[in-house]
Amino acid sequence: MESNAAADRCEKMMALRRARMRRVLLRRGLHLGQPEMLSYISAHPGCSQKQMADSAGVTPASIAASFKRMESAGLIRRRADTADTRCNRVYITERGKQELQICQQDIERLNQLMLEGISQEELDAFCRCIEKISENLRAKDEIRD
């Protein structure tokens, strides 16, 4: 298979998964990326916006809009740090925990649907290929003519 065809199929698959994921999350009033953020906040209660951003590999400013949306929805709460009032500490609410649990179940069902009819052997081979591709992309950050 030609490399462009393989890359195109991979992109189409990821676009289909993203679209399905978006629909699953919108039913719960969530947006892409928010389940991962809720999961991080749940595992790191009292984390800062900067810590969340560093973990996600994005800027604190890009996290700010999501935090605002999640706070308005009652999923998280922010409190000023007692030692540094310029810093807010973030906590998941009970509602956030419930939504995260439901979302994780929905995502697991989506993953099962996505992998339906694929044998363990095929899945193992696929995962090895994806890991090799990821290693190549990490190691070779230049495109040469």
Protein backbone atom coordinates (compact mmCIF):
# COMPACT_ATOMS: atom_id res chain seq x y z
CA MET A 1 0.00 0.00 0.00
CA GLU A 2 1.27 3.45 -0.90
CA SER A 3 2.32 5.61 2.08
CA ASN A 4 -0.15 8.38 1.18
CA ALA A 5 -3.00 5.85 1.06
CA ALA A 6 -2.04 4.50 4.50
CA ALA A 7 -1.85 8.02 5.97
CA ASP A 8 -5.20 8.94 4.36
CA ARG A 9 -6.88 5.85 5.84
CA CYS A 10 -5.44 6.61 9.24
CA GLU A 11 -6.70 10.20 9.07
CA LYS A 12 -10.16 9.07 7.96
CA MET A 13 -10.34 6.55 10.79
CA MET A 14 -9.35 9.17 13.36
CA ALA A 15 -11.83 11.68 11.92
CA LEU A 16 -14.62 9.09 12.17
CA ARG A 17 -13.66 8.29 15.76
CA ARG A 18 -13.47 11.98 16.67
CA ALA A 19 -16.92 12.58 15.14
CA ARG A 20 -18.41 9.64 17.06
CA MET A 21 -16.64 10.76 20.23
CA ARG A 22 -17.99 14.30 19.79
CA ARG A 23 -21.56 12.93 19.54
CA VAL A 24 -21.10 10.73 22.62
CA LEU A 25 -19.75 13.66 24.64
CA LEU A 26 -22.31 16.20 23.45
CA ARG A 27 -25.08 13.96 24.80
CA ARG A 28 -23.48 14.54 28.22
CA GLY A 29 -22.86 18.25 27.59
CA LEU A 30 -19.10 17.76 27.31
CA HIS A 31 -16.56 18.68 24.66
CA LEU A 32 -13.54 16.83 23.26
CA GLY A 33 -10.68 16.83 25.74
CA GLN A 34 -12.86 17.46 28.78
CA PRO A 35 -13.05 13.82 29.96
CA GLU A 36 -9.23 13.71 30.00
CA MET A 37 -9.16 16.98 31.92
CA LEU A 38 -11.72 15.71 34.45
CA SER A 39 -9.73 12.51 34.83
CA TYR A 40 -6.53 14.47 35.50
CA ILE A 41 -8.26 16.77 38.00
CA SER A 42 -9.81 13.75 39.74
CA ALA A 43 -6.38 12.12 40.06
CA HIS A 44 -4.68 15.41 41.05
CA PRO A 45 -7.13 17.33 43.28
CA GLY A 46 -6.04 20.91 43.82
CA CYS A 47 -3.92 21.04 40.67
CA SER A 48 -3.30 24.40 39.05
CA GLN A 49 -4.26 25.49 35.56
CA LYS A 50 -0.56 25.46 34.66
CA GLN A 51 -0.13 21.88 35.89
CA MET A 52 -3.13 20.81 33.83
CA ALA A 53 -1.74 22.58 30.76
CA ASP A 54 1.71 21.04 31.22
CA SER A 55 0.16 17.59 31.52
CA ALA A 56 -1.90 18.10 28.35
CA GLY A 57 0.98 19.70 26.44
CA VAL A 58 -0.92 22.94 25.78
CA THR A 59 -0.78 26.53 27.01
CA PRO A 60 -2.57 27.60 30.21
CA ALA A 61 -4.62 30.03 28.10
CA SER A 62 -6.05 27.16 26.05
CA ILE A 63 -7.12 25.41 29.27
CA ALA A 64 -8.81 28.55 30.61
CA ALA A 65 -11.82 28.39 28.26
CA SER A 66 -12.43 24.73 29.04
CA PHE A 67 -12.15 25.36 32.78
CA LYS A 68 -14.65 28.20 32.51
CA ARG A 69 -17.08 26.00 30.58
CA MET A 70 -16.66 23.08 33.00
CA GLU A 71 -17.06 25.34 36.03
CA SER A 72 -20.28 26.82 34.59
CA ALA A 73 -21.56 23.27 34.05
CA GLY A 74 -20.82 22.39 37.67
CA LEU A 75 -18.15 19.82 36.82
CA ILE A 76 -15.24 21.54 38.58
CA ARG A 77 -14.71 24.28 41.13
CA ARG A 78 -11.80 26.65 41.44
CA ARG A 79 -10.46 28.06 44.68
CA ALA A 80 -7.74 30.64 45.18
CA ASP A 81 -4.53 29.17 46.53
CA THR A 82 -4.08 30.26 50.14
CA ALA A 83 -0.33 30.76 49.66
CA ASP A 84 -0.51 32.40 46.22
CA THR A 85 -3.77 34.22 45.46
CA ARG A 86 -2.74 34.60 41.79
CA CYS A 87 -3.10 30.84 41.43
CA ASN A 88 -6.38 28.92 41.43
CA ARG A 89 -6.59 25.33 42.60
CA VAL A 90 -9.02 23.10 40.71
CA TYR A 91 -11.22 20.34 42.13
CA ILE A 92 -13.69 17.97 40.52
CA THR A 93 -17.25 18.17 41.88
CA GLU A 94 -19.54 15.23 42.63
CA ARG A 95 -21.38 16.00 39.39
CA GLY A 96 -18.04 16.01 37.57
CA LYS A 97 -17.20 12.59 39.02
CA GLN A 98 -20.56 11.20 37.91
CA GLU A 99 -20.24 12.63 34.39
CA LEU A 100 -16.67 11.33 34.12
CA GLN A 101 -17.76 7.82 35.10
CA ILE A 102 -20.61 7.82 32.56
CA CYS A 103 -18.32 9.24 29.87
CA GLN A 104 -15.68 6.61 30.53
CA GLN A 105 -18.30 3.88 30.11
CA ASP A 106 -19.54 5.47 26.86
CA ILE A 107 -15.99 5.77 25.53
CA GLU A 108 -15.30 2.14 26.41
CA ARG A 109 -18.43 1.11 24.46
CA LEU A 110 -17.27 3.22 21.50
CA ASN A 111 -13.84 1.56 21.64
CA GLN A 112 -15.46 -1.89 21.72
CA LEU A 113 -17.61 -0.96 18.72
CA MET A 114 -14.56 0.35 16.88
CA LEU A 115 -12.64 -2.90 17.42
CA GLU A 116 -15.54 -5.27 16.77
CA GLY A 117 -14.57 -8.20 14.55
CA ILE A 118 -10.83 -7.64 15.01
CA SER A 119 -8.94 -10.57 16.51
CA GLN A 120 -6.46 -10.16 19.34
CA GLU A 121 -3.69 -11.08 16.91
CA GLU A 122 -4.78 -8.37 14.46
CA LEU A 123 -5.08 -5.86 17.29
CA ASP A 124 -1.60 -6.70 18.59
CA ALA A 125 -0.13 -6.26 15.09
CA PHE A 126 -2.00 -2.98 14.64
CA CYS A 127 -0.70 -1.67 17.99
CA ARG A 128 2.87 -2.63 17.04
CA CYS A 129 2.50 -0.72 13.76
CA ILE A 130 1.08 2.34 15.48
CA GLU A 131 3.93 2.28 18.02
CA LYS A 132 6.53 2.08 15.21
CA ILE A 133 4.88 4.99 13.42
CA SER A 134 4.83 7.01 16.65
CA GLU A 135 8.50 6.25 17.29
CA ASN A 136 9.36 7.35 13.75
CA LEU A 137 7.49 10.62 14.19
CA ARG A 138 9.16 11.30 17.55
CA ALA A 139 12.67 10.45 16.32
CA LYS A 140 12.59 12.10 12.92
CA ASP A 141 11.34 15.63 13.24
CA GLU A 142 12.65 16.78 9.87
CA ILE A 143 11.29 16.10 6.42
CA ARG A 144 14.18 15.91 3.99
CA ASP A 145 13.96 16.53 0.26
